[in-house]
ModelCIF file with pLDDT and N, C-alpha, C, O atoms, coordinates in Angstrom:
data_MODEL
#
_entry.id   MODEL 
#
_entity.id                         1 
_entity.type                       polymer 
_entity.pdbx_number_of_molecules   1 
#
_entity_poly.entity_id                      1 
_entity_poly.type                           'polypeptide(L)' 
_entity_poly.nstd_linkage                   no 
_entity_poly.nstd_monomer                   no 
_entity_poly.pdbx_seq_one_letter_code       MTSLAEHELTTRPARSTKAQWSVLVIIACAQLM 
_entity_poly.pdbx_seq_one_letter_code_can   MTSLAEHELTTRPARSTKAQWSVLVIIACAQLM 
_entity_poly.pdbx_strand_id                 A 
#
loop_
_entity_poly_seq.entity_id 
_entity_poly_seq.num 
_entity_poly_seq.mon_id 
_entity_poly_seq.hetero 
1 1  MET n 
1 2  THR n 
1 3  SER n 
1 4  LEU n 
1 5  ALA n 
1 6  GLU n 
1 7  HIS n 
1 8  GLU n 
1 9  LEU n 
1 10 THR n 
1 11 THR n 
1 12 ARG n 
1 13 PRO n 
1 14 ALA n 
1 15 ARG n 
1 16 SER n 
1 17 THR n 
1 18 LYS n 
1 19 ALA n 
1 20 GLN n 
1 21 TRP n 
1 22 SER n 
1 23 VAL n 
1 24 LEU n 
1 25 VAL n 
1 26 ILE n 
1 27 ILE n 
1 28 ALA n 
1 29 CYS n 
1 30 ALA n 
1 31 GLN n 
1 32 LEU n 
1 33 MET n 
#
_struct_asym.id          A 
_struct_asym.entity_id   1 
#
loop_
_ma_qa_metric.id 
_ma_qa_metric.mode 
_ma_qa_metric.name 
_ma_qa_metric.software_group_id 
_ma_qa_metric.type 
1 global pLDDT . pLDDT 
2 local  pLDDT . pLDDT 
#
_ma_qa_metric_global.metric_id      1 
_ma_qa_metric_global.metric_value   62.52 
_ma_qa_metric_global.model_id       1 
_ma_qa_metric_global.ordinal_id     1 
#
loop_
_ma_qa_metric_local.label_asym_id 
_ma_qa_metric_local.label_comp_id 
_ma_qa_metric_local.label_seq_id 
_ma_qa_metric_local.metric_id 
_ma_qa_metric_local.metric_value 
_ma_qa_metric_local.model_id 
_ma_qa_metric_local.ordinal_id 
A MET 1  2 39.00 1 1  
A THR 2  2 40.00 1 2  
A SER 3  2 39.00 1 3  
A LEU 4  2 41.00 1 4  
A ALA 5  2 38.00 1 5  
A GLU 6  2 38.00 1 6  
A HIS 7  2 43.00 1 7  
A GLU 8  2 41.00 1 8  
A LEU 9  2 36.00 1 9  
A THR 10 2 37.00 1 10 
A THR 11 2 38.00 1 11 
A ARG 12 2 41.00 1 12 
A PRO 13 2 39.00 1 13 
A ALA 14 2 40.00 1 14 
A ARG 15 2 44.00 1 15 
A SER 16 2 45.00 1 16 
A THR 17 2 72.00 1 17 
A LYS 18 2 76.00 1 18 
A ALA 19 2 79.00 1 19 
A GLN 20 2 81.00 1 20 
A TRP 21 2 80.00 1 21 
A SER 22 2 85.00 1 22 
A VAL 23 2 85.00 1 23 
A LEU 24 2 86.00 1 24 
A VAL 25 2 87.00 1 25 
A ILE 26 2 88.00 1 26 
A ILE 27 2 84.00 1 27 
A ALA 28 2 85.00 1 28 
A CYS 29 2 88.00 1 29 
A ALA 30 2 89.00 1 30 
A GLN 31 2 85.00 1 31 
A LEU 32 2 86.00 1 32 
A MET 33 2 88.00 1 33 
#
loop_
_atom_site.group_PDB 
_atom_site.id 
_atom_site.type_symbol 
_atom_site.label_atom_id 
_atom_site.label_alt_id 
_atom_site.label_comp_id 
_atom_site.label_asym_id 
_atom_site.label_entity_id 
_atom_site.label_seq_id 
_atom_site.pdbx_PDB_ins_code 
_atom_site.Cartn_x 
_atom_site.Cartn_y 
_atom_site.Cartn_z 
_atom_site.occupancy 
_atom_site.B_iso_or_equiv 
_atom_site.pdbx_formal_charge 
_atom_site.auth_seq_id 
_atom_site.auth_comp_id 
_atom_site.auth_asym_id 
_atom_site.auth_atom_id 
_atom_site.pdbx_PDB_model_num 
ATOM 1   N N  . MET A 1 1  ? -9.686 8.266   -14.606 1.00 39.00 ? 1  MET A N  1 
ATOM 2   C CA . MET A 1 1  ? -8.855 7.017   -15.313 1.00 39.00 ? 1  MET A CA 1 
ATOM 3   C C  . MET A 1 1  ? -8.722 6.309   -14.169 1.00 39.00 ? 1  MET A C  1 
ATOM 4   O O  . MET A 1 1  ? -8.676 6.746   -13.019 1.00 39.00 ? 1  MET A O  1 
ATOM 5   N N  . THR A 1 2  ? -8.624 4.452   -14.798 1.00 40.00 ? 2  THR A N  1 
ATOM 6   C CA . THR A 1 2  ? -7.589 3.942   -13.891 1.00 40.00 ? 2  THR A CA 1 
ATOM 7   C C  . THR A 1 2  ? -6.377 3.915   -13.355 1.00 40.00 ? 2  THR A C  1 
ATOM 8   O O  . THR A 1 2  ? -5.458 3.578   -14.101 1.00 40.00 ? 2  THR A O  1 
ATOM 9   N N  . SER A 1 3  ? -6.125 4.197   -12.198 1.00 39.00 ? 3  SER A N  1 
ATOM 10  C CA . SER A 1 3  ? -4.213 4.088   -11.582 1.00 39.00 ? 3  SER A CA 1 
ATOM 11  C C  . SER A 1 3  ? -4.068 2.959   -12.168 1.00 39.00 ? 3  SER A C  1 
ATOM 12  O O  . SER A 1 3  ? -4.980 2.196   -12.488 1.00 39.00 ? 3  SER A O  1 
ATOM 13  N N  . LEU A 1 4  ? -2.708 2.778   -12.363 1.00 41.00 ? 4  LEU A N  1 
ATOM 14  C CA . LEU A 1 4  ? -1.675 1.563   -12.268 1.00 41.00 ? 4  LEU A CA 1 
ATOM 15  C C  . LEU A 1 4  ? -1.762 0.155   -10.973 1.00 41.00 ? 4  LEU A C  1 
ATOM 16  O O  . LEU A 1 4  ? -1.513 -1.050  -10.986 1.00 41.00 ? 4  LEU A O  1 
ATOM 17  N N  . ALA A 1 5  ? -2.251 1.135   -9.972  1.00 38.00 ? 5  ALA A N  1 
ATOM 18  C CA . ALA A 1 5  ? -2.430 -0.205  -8.819  1.00 38.00 ? 5  ALA A CA 1 
ATOM 19  C C  . ALA A 1 5  ? -3.341 -0.468  -8.919  1.00 38.00 ? 5  ALA A C  1 
ATOM 20  O O  . ALA A 1 5  ? -3.492 -1.496  -8.259  1.00 38.00 ? 5  ALA A O  1 
ATOM 21  N N  . GLU A 1 6  ? -4.868 0.013   -9.719  1.00 38.00 ? 6  GLU A N  1 
ATOM 22  C CA . GLU A 1 6  ? -5.992 -0.850  -10.070 1.00 38.00 ? 6  GLU A CA 1 
ATOM 23  C C  . GLU A 1 6  ? -5.973 -1.988  -10.834 1.00 38.00 ? 6  GLU A C  1 
ATOM 24  O O  . GLU A 1 6  ? -6.783 -2.901  -10.997 1.00 38.00 ? 6  GLU A O  1 
ATOM 25  N N  . HIS A 1 7  ? -4.657 -1.698  -11.361 1.00 43.00 ? 7  HIS A N  1 
ATOM 26  C CA . HIS A 1 7  ? -4.928 -3.156  -13.068 1.00 43.00 ? 7  HIS A CA 1 
ATOM 27  C C  . HIS A 1 7  ? -4.938 -4.023  -12.330 1.00 43.00 ? 7  HIS A C  1 
ATOM 28  O O  . HIS A 1 7  ? -5.849 -4.848  -12.396 1.00 43.00 ? 7  HIS A O  1 
ATOM 29  N N  . GLU A 1 8  ? -3.880 -4.138  -11.329 1.00 41.00 ? 8  GLU A N  1 
ATOM 30  C CA . GLU A 1 8  ? -3.146 -5.570  -10.447 1.00 41.00 ? 8  GLU A CA 1 
ATOM 31  C C  . GLU A 1 8  ? -4.431 -6.229  -10.328 1.00 41.00 ? 8  GLU A C  1 
ATOM 32  O O  . GLU A 1 8  ? -5.437 -5.548  -10.130 1.00 41.00 ? 8  GLU A O  1 
ATOM 33  N N  . LEU A 1 9  ? -4.508 -7.793  -10.454 1.00 36.00 ? 9  LEU A N  1 
ATOM 34  C CA . LEU A 1 9  ? -5.429 -8.366  -9.819  1.00 36.00 ? 9  LEU A CA 1 
ATOM 35  C C  . LEU A 1 9  ? -5.684 -8.453  -8.522  1.00 36.00 ? 9  LEU A C  1 
ATOM 36  O O  . LEU A 1 9  ? -4.683 -8.625  -7.827  1.00 36.00 ? 9  LEU A O  1 
ATOM 37  N N  . THR A 1 10 ? -6.777 -8.385  -7.930  1.00 37.00 ? 10 THR A N  1 
ATOM 38  C CA . THR A 1 10 ? -6.961 -8.080  -6.564  1.00 37.00 ? 10 THR A CA 1 
ATOM 39  C C  . THR A 1 10 ? -7.179 -9.512  -6.017  1.00 37.00 ? 10 THR A C  1 
ATOM 40  O O  . THR A 1 10 ? -7.918 -9.582  -5.035  1.00 37.00 ? 10 THR A O  1 
ATOM 41  N N  . THR A 1 11 ? -6.828 -10.283 -6.336  1.00 38.00 ? 11 THR A N  1 
ATOM 42  C CA . THR A 1 11 ? -7.373 -11.765 -5.852  1.00 38.00 ? 11 THR A CA 1 
ATOM 43  C C  . THR A 1 11 ? -5.362 -12.354 -5.448  1.00 38.00 ? 11 THR A C  1 
ATOM 44  O O  . THR A 1 11 ? -4.840 -13.252 -4.787  1.00 38.00 ? 11 THR A O  1 
ATOM 45  N N  . ARG A 1 12 ? -5.025 -11.563 -6.046  1.00 41.00 ? 12 ARG A N  1 
ATOM 46  C CA . ARG A 1 12 ? -3.890 -11.666 -6.009  1.00 41.00 ? 12 ARG A CA 1 
ATOM 47  C C  . ARG A 1 12 ? -3.520 -11.597 -4.460  1.00 41.00 ? 12 ARG A C  1 
ATOM 48  O O  . ARG A 1 12 ? -4.116 -10.711 -3.849  1.00 41.00 ? 12 ARG A O  1 
ATOM 49  N N  . PRO A 1 13 ? -2.435 -12.562 -3.552  1.00 39.00 ? 13 PRO A N  1 
ATOM 50  C CA . PRO A 1 13 ? -1.769 -11.899 -2.914  1.00 39.00 ? 13 PRO A CA 1 
ATOM 51  C C  . PRO A 1 13 ? -0.602 -11.103 -2.536  1.00 39.00 ? 13 PRO A C  1 
ATOM 52  O O  . PRO A 1 13 ? 0.244  -11.125 -3.430  1.00 39.00 ? 13 PRO A O  1 
ATOM 53  N N  . ALA A 1 14 ? -0.313 -10.503 -1.658  1.00 40.00 ? 14 ALA A N  1 
ATOM 54  C CA . ALA A 1 14 ? 0.728  -9.542  -1.500  1.00 40.00 ? 14 ALA A CA 1 
ATOM 55  C C  . ALA A 1 14 ? 1.792  -10.885 -1.930  1.00 40.00 ? 14 ALA A C  1 
ATOM 56  O O  . ALA A 1 14 ? 1.784  -12.092 -1.688  1.00 40.00 ? 14 ALA A O  1 
ATOM 57  N N  . ARG A 1 15 ? 2.609  -10.038 -2.627  1.00 44.00 ? 15 ARG A N  1 
ATOM 58  C CA . ARG A 1 15 ? 4.218  -10.452 -3.460  1.00 44.00 ? 15 ARG A CA 1 
ATOM 59  C C  . ARG A 1 15 ? 5.250  -10.286 -2.725  1.00 44.00 ? 15 ARG A C  1 
ATOM 60  O O  . ARG A 1 15 ? 5.207  -9.648  -1.673  1.00 44.00 ? 15 ARG A O  1 
ATOM 61  N N  . SER A 1 16 ? 6.702  -11.048 -3.360  1.00 45.00 ? 16 SER A N  1 
ATOM 62  C CA . SER A 1 16 ? 7.372  -10.950 -1.706  1.00 45.00 ? 16 SER A CA 1 
ATOM 63  C C  . SER A 1 16 ? 8.068  -9.640  -2.868  1.00 45.00 ? 16 SER A C  1 
ATOM 64  O O  . SER A 1 16 ? 7.514  -9.098  -3.825  1.00 45.00 ? 16 SER A O  1 
ATOM 65  N N  . THR A 1 17 ? 9.637  -9.418  -2.245  1.00 72.00 ? 17 THR A N  1 
ATOM 66  C CA . THR A 1 17 ? 10.851 -8.874  -2.885  1.00 72.00 ? 17 THR A CA 1 
ATOM 67  C C  . THR A 1 17 ? 11.012 -10.247 -3.914  1.00 72.00 ? 17 THR A C  1 
ATOM 68  O O  . THR A 1 17 ? 10.947 -9.952  -5.107  1.00 72.00 ? 17 THR A O  1 
ATOM 69  N N  . LYS A 1 18 ? 11.176 -11.432 -3.668  1.00 76.00 ? 18 LYS A N  1 
ATOM 70  C CA . LYS A 1 18 ? 11.577 -12.307 -4.185  1.00 76.00 ? 18 LYS A CA 1 
ATOM 71  C C  . LYS A 1 18 ? 10.635 -12.312 -6.213  1.00 76.00 ? 18 LYS A C  1 
ATOM 72  O O  . LYS A 1 18 ? 11.020 -12.112 -7.365  1.00 76.00 ? 18 LYS A O  1 
ATOM 73  N N  . ALA A 1 19 ? 9.565  -12.606 -5.647  1.00 79.00 ? 19 ALA A N  1 
ATOM 74  C CA . ALA A 1 19 ? 8.622  -11.951 -7.028  1.00 79.00 ? 19 ALA A CA 1 
ATOM 75  C C  . ALA A 1 19 ? 9.077  -10.734 -7.566  1.00 79.00 ? 19 ALA A C  1 
ATOM 76  O O  . ALA A 1 19 ? 9.135  -10.674 -8.794  1.00 79.00 ? 19 ALA A O  1 
ATOM 77  N N  . GLN A 1 20 ? 9.450  -9.641  -6.833  1.00 81.00 ? 20 GLN A N  1 
ATOM 78  C CA . GLN A 1 20 ? 9.547  -8.326  -7.629  1.00 81.00 ? 20 GLN A CA 1 
ATOM 79  C C  . GLN A 1 20 ? 11.239 -8.418  -8.296  1.00 81.00 ? 20 GLN A C  1 
ATOM 80  O O  . GLN A 1 20 ? 11.638 -7.604  -9.129  1.00 81.00 ? 20 GLN A O  1 
ATOM 81  N N  . TRP A 1 21 ? 12.222 -9.713  -7.680  1.00 80.00 ? 21 TRP A N  1 
ATOM 82  C CA . TRP A 1 21 ? 13.028 -10.236 -8.828  1.00 80.00 ? 21 TRP A CA 1 
ATOM 83  C C  . TRP A 1 21 ? 13.043 -10.849 -9.735  1.00 80.00 ? 21 TRP A C  1 
ATOM 84  O O  . TRP A 1 21 ? 13.752 -10.600 -10.711 1.00 80.00 ? 21 TRP A O  1 
ATOM 85  N N  . SER A 1 22 ? 12.018 -12.105 -9.607  1.00 85.00 ? 22 SER A N  1 
ATOM 86  C CA . SER A 1 22 ? 11.382 -12.645 -10.406 1.00 85.00 ? 22 SER A CA 1 
ATOM 87  C C  . SER A 1 22 ? 10.759 -12.144 -11.788 1.00 85.00 ? 22 SER A C  1 
ATOM 88  O O  . SER A 1 22 ? 10.837 -12.810 -12.820 1.00 85.00 ? 22 SER A O  1 
ATOM 89  N N  . VAL A 1 23 ? 10.128 -10.891 -11.700 1.00 85.00 ? 23 VAL A N  1 
ATOM 90  C CA . VAL A 1 23 ? 9.867  -9.666  -12.644 1.00 85.00 ? 23 VAL A CA 1 
ATOM 91  C C  . VAL A 1 23 ? 10.869 -9.458  -13.584 1.00 85.00 ? 23 VAL A C  1 
ATOM 92  O O  . VAL A 1 23 ? 11.129 -9.690  -14.765 1.00 85.00 ? 23 VAL A O  1 
ATOM 93  N N  . LEU A 1 24 ? 11.387 -8.861  -12.464 1.00 86.00 ? 24 LEU A N  1 
ATOM 94  C CA . LEU A 1 24 ? 13.092 -8.160  -13.496 1.00 86.00 ? 24 LEU A CA 1 
ATOM 95  C C  . LEU A 1 24 ? 13.745 -9.815  -13.932 1.00 86.00 ? 24 LEU A C  1 
ATOM 96  O O  . LEU A 1 24 ? 13.920 -9.987  -15.139 1.00 86.00 ? 24 LEU A O  1 
ATOM 97  N N  . VAL A 1 25 ? 13.967 -10.562 -13.335 1.00 87.00 ? 25 VAL A N  1 
ATOM 98  C CA . VAL A 1 25 ? 14.727 -11.380 -14.694 1.00 87.00 ? 25 VAL A CA 1 
ATOM 99  C C  . VAL A 1 25 ? 13.854 -11.380 -16.607 1.00 87.00 ? 25 VAL A C  1 
ATOM 100 O O  . VAL A 1 25 ? 14.226 -11.154 -17.758 1.00 87.00 ? 25 VAL A O  1 
ATOM 101 N N  . ILE A 1 26 ? 12.606 -11.774 -15.910 1.00 88.00 ? 26 ILE A N  1 
ATOM 102 C CA . ILE A 1 26 ? 11.419 -11.443 -16.879 1.00 88.00 ? 26 ILE A CA 1 
ATOM 103 C C  . ILE A 1 26 ? 11.985 -10.340 -18.106 1.00 88.00 ? 26 ILE A C  1 
ATOM 104 O O  . ILE A 1 26 ? 12.450 -10.729 -19.177 1.00 88.00 ? 26 ILE A O  1 
ATOM 105 N N  . ILE A 1 27 ? 11.878 -9.246  -17.808 1.00 84.00 ? 27 ILE A N  1 
ATOM 106 C CA . ILE A 1 27 ? 11.386 -8.041  -18.756 1.00 84.00 ? 27 ILE A CA 1 
ATOM 107 C C  . ILE A 1 27 ? 13.476 -7.751  -18.742 1.00 84.00 ? 27 ILE A C  1 
ATOM 108 O O  . ILE A 1 27 ? 13.793 -7.157  -19.773 1.00 84.00 ? 27 ILE A O  1 
ATOM 109 N N  . ALA A 1 28 ? 14.322 -7.963  -18.118 1.00 85.00 ? 28 ALA A N  1 
ATOM 110 C CA . ALA A 1 28 ? 15.412 -7.973  -18.536 1.00 85.00 ? 28 ALA A CA 1 
ATOM 111 C C  . ALA A 1 28 ? 15.557 -8.770  -19.409 1.00 85.00 ? 28 ALA A C  1 
ATOM 112 O O  . ALA A 1 28 ? 15.943 -8.046  -20.326 1.00 85.00 ? 28 ALA A O  1 
ATOM 113 N N  . CYS A 1 29 ? 15.521 -9.838  -19.822 1.00 88.00 ? 29 CYS A N  1 
ATOM 114 C CA . CYS A 1 29 ? 15.195 -11.206 -20.943 1.00 88.00 ? 29 CYS A CA 1 
ATOM 115 C C  . CYS A 1 29 ? 14.688 -10.712 -21.954 1.00 88.00 ? 29 CYS A C  1 
ATOM 116 O O  . CYS A 1 29 ? 15.496 -10.721 -22.883 1.00 88.00 ? 29 CYS A O  1 
ATOM 117 N N  . ALA A 1 30 ? 13.681 -10.264 -22.227 1.00 89.00 ? 30 ALA A N  1 
ATOM 118 C CA . ALA A 1 30 ? 13.368 -9.135  -23.044 1.00 89.00 ? 30 ALA A CA 1 
ATOM 119 C C  . ALA A 1 30 ? 13.872 -7.807  -23.720 1.00 89.00 ? 30 ALA A C  1 
ATOM 120 O O  . ALA A 1 30 ? 13.825 -7.561  -24.926 1.00 89.00 ? 30 ALA A O  1 
ATOM 121 N N  . GLN A 1 31 ? 14.447 -6.859  -22.557 1.00 85.00 ? 31 GLN A N  1 
ATOM 122 C CA . GLN A 1 31 ? 15.377 -6.510  -23.164 1.00 85.00 ? 31 GLN A CA 1 
ATOM 123 C C  . GLN A 1 31 ? 16.228 -6.284  -23.818 1.00 85.00 ? 31 GLN A C  1 
ATOM 124 O O  . GLN A 1 31 ? 16.558 -5.393  -24.601 1.00 85.00 ? 31 GLN A O  1 
ATOM 125 N N  . LEU A 1 32 ? 16.752 -7.528  -23.309 1.00 86.00 ? 32 LEU A N  1 
ATOM 126 C CA . LEU A 1 32 ? 18.103 -7.938  -24.018 1.00 86.00 ? 32 LEU A CA 1 
ATOM 127 C C  . LEU A 1 32 ? 18.163 -8.372  -25.156 1.00 86.00 ? 32 LEU A C  1 
ATOM 128 O O  . LEU A 1 32 ? 19.210 -8.335  -25.804 1.00 86.00 ? 32 LEU A O  1 
ATOM 129 N N  . MET A 1 33 ? 16.943 -8.913  -25.656 1.00 88.00 ? 33 MET A N  1 
ATOM 130 C CA . MET A 1 33 ? 16.576 -9.709  -27.048 1.00 88.00 ? 33 MET A CA 1 
ATOM 131 C C  . MET A 1 33 ? 16.984 -7.846  -28.078 1.00 88.00 ? 33 MET A C  1 
ATOM 132 O O  . MET A 1 33 ? 16.874 -7.781  -29.302 1.00 88.00 ? 33 MET A O  1 
#
């Protein structure tokens, strides 16, 4: 089976910690609803 790591787009560059927190903002807003 395909792992979560393999699910990522291979064409995307490595993301910074700042991008991690951007993801957190989005999913936190979804949870807030």
